[in-house]
Amino acid sequence: MTEAVIRKKPGMASVKDMPILQDGPPPGGFAPVRYARRIPNNGPSAMAIFLAAFGAFSYGMYQVGQGNKIRSIYPLKKFDGSGKGKMVEIQWFADSIII
């Protein structure tokens, strides 16, 4: 359908000739929107989460340090790749670290 039929004003030459029809709120206004911050109080506190994360990080760093100690003691064996187990050279882990 055309706007002329909908607005019941035939013979309009332009959109500017159309009467203004604007939507608005219903009489009395809209109902209020119900919202609230319903955040539960149960669960671990911020300090407990921080301490758990710090503990996990500390334990991981301890394990890295223990691995570094072991790696510096045992030699790194290089084989020739033939599958027969012929060793080409023995190089210590501490010597193979490039900084």
Protein backbone atom coordinates (compact mmCIF):
# COMPACT_ATOMS: atom_id res chain seq x y z
CA MET A 1 0.00 0.00 0.00
CA THR A 2 1.12 3.50 -0.60
CA GLU A 3 1.46 6.20 2.00
CA ALA A 4 -1.43 8.17 0.42
CA VAL A 5 -3.83 5.32 1.10
CA ILE A 6 -2.51 4.66 4.60
CA ARG A 7 -2.58 8.30 5.73
CA LYS A 8 -5.92 8.96 3.94
CA LYS A 9 -4.64 12.03 2.20
CA PRO A 10 -4.68 11.44 -1.55
CA GLY A 11 -2.87 13.59 -4.06
CA MET A 12 0.34 14.20 -2.16
CA ALA A 13 3.18 15.27 -4.41
CA SER A 14 5.99 14.90 -1.91
CA VAL A 15 6.87 13.23 1.34
CA LYS A 16 6.98 16.70 2.84
CA ASP A 17 3.21 17.01 2.31
CA MET A 18 2.54 14.06 4.63
CA PRO A 19 1.15 14.83 8.07
CA ILE A 20 3.49 14.13 10.96
CA LEU A 21 2.77 10.84 12.66
CA GLN A 22 5.08 10.01 15.52
CA ASP A 23 5.00 7.14 17.95
CA GLY A 24 5.16 7.92 21.61
CA PRO A 25 4.88 6.22 24.96
CA PRO A 26 1.54 4.81 26.03
CA PRO A 27 -0.67 6.95 28.27
CA GLY A 28 0.72 6.81 31.78
CA GLY A 29 4.19 5.84 30.54
CA PHE A 30 5.98 2.54 30.32
CA ALA A 31 6.29 0.19 33.27
CA PRO A 32 9.60 0.55 35.14
CA VAL A 33 12.34 -1.86 34.19
CA ARG A 34 13.18 -4.13 37.09
CA TYR A 35 16.91 -4.55 37.49
CA ALA A 36 19.18 -5.09 40.43
CA ARG A 37 22.71 -6.21 41.15
CA ARG A 38 22.09 -9.68 42.46
CA ILE A 39 25.65 -10.83 43.05
CA PRO A 40 25.90 -13.79 45.41
CA ASN A 41 28.14 -13.48 48.46
CA ASN A 42 29.24 -17.11 48.55
CA GLY A 43 32.50 -18.37 47.08
CA PRO A 44 36.16 -17.68 47.80
CA SER A 45 37.26 -14.19 48.72
CA ALA A 46 39.68 -12.12 46.67
CA MET A 47 42.48 -12.82 49.16
CA ALA A 48 41.89 -16.59 48.93
CA ILE A 49 42.06 -16.48 45.12
CA PHE A 50 45.23 -14.36 45.25
CA LEU A 51 46.92 -16.70 47.73
CA ALA A 52 45.97 -19.77 45.70
CA ALA A 53 47.37 -18.23 42.50
CA PHE A 54 50.54 -17.12 44.29
CA GLY A 55 50.97 -20.60 45.78
CA ALA A 56 50.54 -22.29 42.39
CA PHE A 57 53.06 -19.88 40.82
CA SER A 58 55.56 -20.43 43.64
CA TYR A 59 55.25 -24.21 43.39
CA GLY A 60 55.80 -24.03 39.62
CA MET A 61 58.92 -21.90 40.03
CA TYR A 62 60.21 -24.36 42.66
CA GLN A 63 59.74 -27.23 40.19
CA VAL A 64 61.58 -25.29 37.47
CA GLY A 65 64.48 -24.72 39.87
CA GLN A 66 64.62 -28.42 40.77
CA GLY A 67 64.61 -29.32 37.07
CA ASN A 68 67.45 -26.90 36.43
CA LYS A 69 69.51 -28.51 39.20
CA ILE A 70 69.00 -31.98 37.76
CA ARG A 71 69.69 -30.79 34.22
CA SER A 72 73.02 -29.29 35.26
CA ILE A 73 74.19 -32.61 36.78
CA TYR A 74 73.39 -35.16 34.07
CA PRO A 75 75.09 -35.15 30.65
CA LEU A 76 73.30 -34.64 27.36
CA LYS A 77 74.08 -37.55 25.05
CA LYS A 78 74.10 -36.95 21.31
CA PHE A 79 73.66 -39.97 19.06
CA ASP A 80 74.54 -40.31 15.39
CA GLY A 81 70.94 -41.03 14.33
CA SER A 82 71.66 -44.44 12.79
CA GLY A 83 69.47 -46.18 15.35
CA LYS A 84 72.32 -48.39 16.55
CA GLY A 85 72.96 -46.31 19.66
CA LYS A 86 76.42 -45.06 18.67
CA MET A 87 77.15 -42.00 20.72
CA VAL A 88 78.82 -39.13 18.92
CA GLU A 89 79.63 -36.89 21.88
CA ILE A 90 78.70 -36.19 25.46
CA GLN A 91 77.88 -32.61 26.23
CA TRP A 92 76.95 -31.29 29.63
CA PHE A 93 73.68 -29.43 29.97
CA ALA A 94 75.40 -26.43 31.50
CA ASP A 95 77.61 -26.16 28.39
CA SER A 96 74.71 -26.42 25.94
CA ILE A 97 72.79 -23.42 27.28
CA ILE A 98 73.23 -20.50 24.88
CA ILE A 99 72.57 -17.06 26.27
